[in-house]
Amino acid sequence: MTVDPTTADILQPEGVEDDDQNQEKLTDITHPKKSDVICGRGGAALRHPGNQNYRQLIQCNKGLYITCHKAEKLKISKSIVGAIRQE
C-alpha cells in the first residue's frame, strides 16, 4: 500500500487527531497479536507477522518518502503508524 501524502490523514484511526494530545492511550501488551509490531533483535522479531507487514508498508512507501519534503514525510510516517494501528 502506497501512501499519498496529500491524503495521508485518511489512514488515521477514526476519532484520533494529528496532535499528540489526543492520542489514544496504549496499554501494556503481554501476548502480542499477529498484527502487533514488536521491538527486538533477531529472528523472532523478524519473523513476527506484524513486523513483516510493517516492513512491507515501509518498502512500498520508501520511494515516495525520499522524494518528499519534511512536512510530507511526517504525514507519510503518521499514516503508516495509523495503518498499523487500524489492523
N, C-alpha and C. Protein backbone atom coordinates (compact mmCIF):
# COMPACT_ATOMS: atom_id res chain seq x y z
N MET A 1 0.85 -1.17 0.00
CA MET A 1 0.00 0.00 0.00
C MET A 1 0.89 1.23 0.00
N THR A 2 0.73 2.08 -0.99
CA THR A 2 1.48 3.32 -1.07
C THR A 2 0.62 4.44 -0.51
N VAL A 3 1.24 5.35 0.20
CA VAL A 3 0.54 6.45 0.86
C VAL A 3 0.69 7.71 0.04
N ASP A 4 -0.40 8.41 -0.20
CA ASP A 4 -0.38 9.71 -0.85
C ASP A 4 -0.28 10.75 0.26
N PRO A 5 0.81 11.54 0.31
CA PRO A 5 0.98 12.48 1.43
C PRO A 5 -0.12 13.53 1.50
N THR A 6 -0.82 13.79 0.42
CA THR A 6 -1.90 14.78 0.45
C THR A 6 -3.16 14.22 1.08
N THR A 7 -3.28 12.90 1.12
CA THR A 7 -4.46 12.27 1.72
C THR A 7 -4.08 11.33 2.85
N ALA A 8 -2.92 11.53 3.44
CA ALA A 8 -2.42 10.62 4.46
C ALA A 8 -3.33 10.53 5.67
N ASP A 9 -4.09 11.57 5.95
CA ASP A 9 -4.97 11.54 7.12
C ASP A 9 -6.10 10.53 6.95
N ILE A 10 -6.35 10.03 5.76
CA ILE A 10 -7.37 9.02 5.54
C ILE A 10 -7.05 7.75 6.34
N LEU A 11 -5.79 7.46 6.52
CA LEU A 11 -5.38 6.26 7.21
C LEU A 11 -5.37 6.39 8.72
N GLN A 12 -5.65 7.59 9.23
CA GLN A 12 -5.69 7.77 10.67
C GLN A 12 -6.92 7.06 11.24
N PRO A 13 -6.80 6.40 12.38
CA PRO A 13 -7.95 5.78 13.01
C PRO A 13 -9.01 6.83 13.31
N GLU A 14 -10.28 6.43 13.19
CA GLU A 14 -11.37 7.38 13.44
C GLU A 14 -11.28 7.93 14.85
N GLY A 15 -11.51 9.22 14.98
CA GLY A 15 -11.52 9.87 16.28
C GLY A 15 -10.15 10.24 16.80
N VAL A 16 -9.09 9.94 16.07
CA VAL A 16 -7.74 10.27 16.52
C VAL A 16 -7.25 11.46 15.71
N GLU A 17 -6.92 12.53 16.39
CA GLU A 17 -6.44 13.74 15.74
C GLU A 17 -4.94 13.63 15.51
N ASP A 18 -4.40 14.54 14.70
CA ASP A 18 -2.97 14.53 14.41
C ASP A 18 -2.12 14.97 15.60
N ASP A 19 -2.65 15.84 16.46
CA ASP A 19 -1.81 16.32 17.55
C ASP A 19 -1.67 15.25 18.63
N ASP A 20 -0.51 15.25 19.28
CA ASP A 20 -0.16 14.20 20.22
C ASP A 20 -1.04 14.19 21.46
N GLN A 21 -1.70 15.28 21.80
CA GLN A 21 -2.52 15.33 23.00
C GLN A 21 -3.75 14.43 22.89
N ASN A 22 -4.24 14.19 21.69
CA ASN A 22 -5.44 13.40 21.51
C ASN A 22 -5.15 11.95 21.15
N GLN A 23 -3.92 11.49 21.33
CA GLN A 23 -3.57 10.11 21.01
C GLN A 23 -4.28 9.18 22.00
N GLU A 24 -4.75 8.06 21.48
CA GLU A 24 -5.40 7.10 22.35
C GLU A 24 -4.37 6.48 23.28
N LYS A 25 -4.81 6.11 24.46
CA LYS A 25 -3.90 5.51 25.44
C LYS A 25 -3.56 4.09 25.01
N LEU A 26 -2.28 3.78 25.02
CA LEU A 26 -1.82 2.44 24.71
C LEU A 26 -1.56 1.71 26.02
N THR A 27 -1.86 0.44 26.04
CA THR A 27 -1.67 -0.35 27.26
C THR A 27 -0.55 -1.35 27.03
N ASP A 28 -0.03 -1.88 28.14
CA ASP A 28 0.99 -2.91 28.05
C ASP A 28 0.40 -4.16 27.40
N ILE A 29 1.16 -4.77 26.51
CA ILE A 29 0.71 -5.97 25.82
C ILE A 29 1.56 -7.13 26.31
N THR A 30 0.91 -8.13 26.89
CA THR A 30 1.65 -9.28 27.40
C THR A 30 1.70 -10.41 26.38
N HIS A 31 0.71 -10.48 25.49
CA HIS A 31 0.66 -11.51 24.45
C HIS A 31 0.38 -10.82 23.12
N PRO A 32 1.43 -10.53 22.33
CA PRO A 32 1.22 -9.81 21.07
C PRO A 32 0.38 -10.60 20.08
N LYS A 33 -0.51 -9.88 19.38
CA LYS A 33 -1.32 -10.48 18.32
C LYS A 33 -0.49 -10.50 17.03
N LYS A 34 -1.02 -11.16 16.01
CA LYS A 34 -0.32 -11.24 14.73
C LYS A 34 -0.16 -9.87 14.08
N SER A 35 -1.02 -8.93 14.41
CA SER A 35 -0.95 -7.60 13.79
C SER A 35 -0.05 -6.63 14.56
N ASP A 36 0.40 -7.00 15.76
CA ASP A 36 1.26 -6.13 16.55
C ASP A 36 2.68 -6.07 15.97
N VAL A 37 3.32 -4.93 16.15
CA VAL A 37 4.73 -4.78 15.78
C VAL A 37 5.52 -4.85 17.08
N ILE A 38 6.46 -5.78 17.13
CA ILE A 38 7.23 -5.95 18.36
C ILE A 38 8.65 -5.44 18.15
N CYS A 39 9.23 -4.96 19.23
CA CYS A 39 10.61 -4.47 19.20
C CYS A 39 11.54 -5.60 19.59
N GLY A 40 12.69 -5.61 19.01
CA GLY A 40 13.66 -6.61 19.37
C GLY A 40 14.61 -6.89 18.23
N ARG A 41 15.61 -7.67 18.53
CA ARG A 41 16.60 -8.05 17.54
C ARG A 41 16.51 -9.55 17.31
N GLY A 42 16.90 -9.96 16.15
CA GLY A 42 16.97 -11.39 15.88
C GLY A 42 15.75 -11.93 15.16
N GLY A 43 15.76 -13.26 15.05
CA GLY A 43 14.77 -13.95 14.24
C GLY A 43 13.33 -13.81 14.71
N ALA A 44 13.10 -13.80 16.00
CA ALA A 44 11.73 -13.74 16.49
C ALA A 44 11.02 -12.47 16.03
N ALA A 45 11.70 -11.34 16.14
CA ALA A 45 11.11 -10.07 15.71
C ALA A 45 11.01 -10.02 14.18
N LEU A 46 12.01 -10.55 13.50
CA LEU A 46 11.98 -10.53 12.02
C LEU A 46 10.87 -11.39 11.46
N ARG A 47 10.57 -12.50 12.11
CA ARG A 47 9.55 -13.42 11.61
C ARG A 47 8.14 -13.08 12.06
N HIS A 48 8.00 -12.20 13.03
CA HIS A 48 6.66 -11.88 13.55
C HIS A 48 5.82 -11.27 12.43
N PRO A 49 4.58 -11.75 12.21
CA PRO A 49 3.74 -11.27 11.11
C PRO A 49 3.50 -9.76 11.12
N GLY A 50 3.33 -9.18 12.28
CA GLY A 50 3.12 -7.73 12.36
C GLY A 50 4.34 -6.95 11.89
N ASN A 51 5.53 -7.43 12.23
CA ASN A 51 6.76 -6.80 11.78
C ASN A 51 6.95 -6.97 10.28
N GLN A 52 6.58 -8.13 9.74
CA GLN A 52 6.68 -8.35 8.31
C GLN A 52 5.76 -7.39 7.55
N ASN A 53 4.55 -7.20 8.05
CA ASN A 53 3.61 -6.26 7.45
C ASN A 53 4.14 -4.83 7.52
N TYR A 54 4.71 -4.48 8.66
CA TYR A 54 5.30 -3.15 8.85
C TYR A 54 6.42 -2.91 7.84
N ARG A 55 7.31 -3.87 7.71
CA ARG A 55 8.42 -3.72 6.76
C ARG A 55 7.91 -3.63 5.32
N GLN A 56 6.83 -4.33 5.01
CA GLN A 56 6.25 -4.25 3.66
C GLN A 56 5.68 -2.85 3.41
N LEU A 57 5.00 -2.28 4.39
CA LEU A 57 4.48 -0.92 4.26
C LEU A 57 5.62 0.08 4.06
N ILE A 58 6.68 -0.10 4.80
CA ILE A 58 7.84 0.79 4.68
C ILE A 58 8.44 0.67 3.29
N GLN A 59 8.62 -0.54 2.81
CA GLN A 59 9.20 -0.76 1.49
C GLN A 59 8.34 -0.15 0.39
N CYS A 60 7.03 -0.29 0.50
CA CYS A 60 6.11 0.26 -0.51
C CYS A 60 6.15 1.78 -0.55
N ASN A 61 6.45 2.42 0.57
CA ASN A 61 6.41 3.88 0.64
C ASN A 61 7.79 4.53 0.58
N LYS A 62 8.84 3.73 0.51
CA LYS A 62 10.20 4.27 0.56
C LYS A 62 10.48 5.22 -0.60
N GLY A 63 10.09 4.85 -1.81
CA GLY A 63 10.34 5.70 -2.98
C GLY A 63 9.66 7.05 -2.87
N LEU A 64 8.41 7.06 -2.43
CA LEU A 64 7.67 8.31 -2.26
C LEU A 64 8.31 9.14 -1.14
N TYR A 65 8.66 8.49 -0.04
CA TYR A 65 9.20 9.17 1.13
C TYR A 65 10.47 9.95 0.80
N ILE A 66 11.38 9.34 0.06
CA ILE A 66 12.66 10.01 -0.20
C ILE A 66 12.53 11.19 -1.16
N THR A 67 11.41 11.29 -1.88
CA THR A 67 11.22 12.40 -2.80
C THR A 67 10.44 13.56 -2.18
N CYS A 68 9.93 13.39 -0.97
CA CYS A 68 9.06 14.40 -0.35
C CYS A 68 9.84 15.37 0.52
N HIS A 69 9.18 16.49 0.79
CA HIS A 69 9.70 17.47 1.75
C HIS A 69 9.39 16.99 3.17
N LYS A 70 10.00 17.63 4.14
CA LYS A 70 9.92 17.21 5.54
C LYS A 70 8.47 17.09 6.04
N ALA A 71 7.62 18.06 5.75
CA ALA A 71 6.23 18.03 6.23
C ALA A 71 5.47 16.84 5.65
N GLU A 72 5.73 16.54 4.39
CA GLU A 72 5.06 15.40 3.76
C GLU A 72 5.59 14.08 4.30
N LYS A 73 6.88 14.05 4.65
CA LYS A 73 7.47 12.85 5.24
C LYS A 73 6.79 12.54 6.57
N LEU A 74 6.50 13.57 7.35
CA LEU A 74 5.82 13.37 8.63
C LEU A 74 4.43 12.77 8.40
N LYS A 75 3.71 13.26 7.38
CA LYS A 75 2.39 12.72 7.07
C LYS A 75 2.47 11.25 6.67
N ILE A 76 3.47 10.91 5.88
CA ILE A 76 3.64 9.52 5.45
C ILE A 76 3.92 8.65 6.67
N SER A 77 4.81 9.09 7.54
CA SER A 77 5.14 8.31 8.74
C SER A 77 3.92 8.12 9.62
N LYS A 78 3.16 9.18 9.83
CA LYS A 78 1.95 9.08 10.66
C LYS A 78 0.91 8.18 10.03
N SER A 79 0.81 8.20 8.71
CA SER A 79 -0.17 7.35 8.05
C SER A 79 0.21 5.87 8.16
N ILE A 80 1.50 5.58 8.13
CA ILE A 80 1.95 4.20 8.31
C ILE A 80 1.62 3.72 9.72
N VAL A 81 1.88 4.56 10.71
CA VAL A 81 1.53 4.21 12.09
C VAL A 81 0.02 4.02 12.21
N GLY A 82 -0.75 4.91 11.59
CA GLY A 82 -2.22 4.77 11.62
C GLY A 82 -2.69 3.49 10.96
N ALA A 83 -2.08 3.12 9.85
CA ALA A 83 -2.46 1.88 9.16
C ALA A 83 -2.17 0.66 10.03
N ILE A 84 -1.04 0.67 10.71
CA ILE A 84 -0.69 -0.44 11.60
C ILE A 84 -1.67 -0.51 12.77
N ARG A 85 -2.03 0.63 13.34
CA ARG A 85 -2.95 0.65 14.49
C ARG A 85 -4.35 0.22 14.10
N GLN A 86 -4.76 0.40 12.85
CA GLN A 86 -6.10 0.01 12.42
C GLN A 86 -6.24 -1.50 12.28
N GLU A 87 -5.16 -2.22 12.17
CA GLU A 87 -5.24 -3.67 11.97
C GLU A 87 -5.61 -4.39 13.23
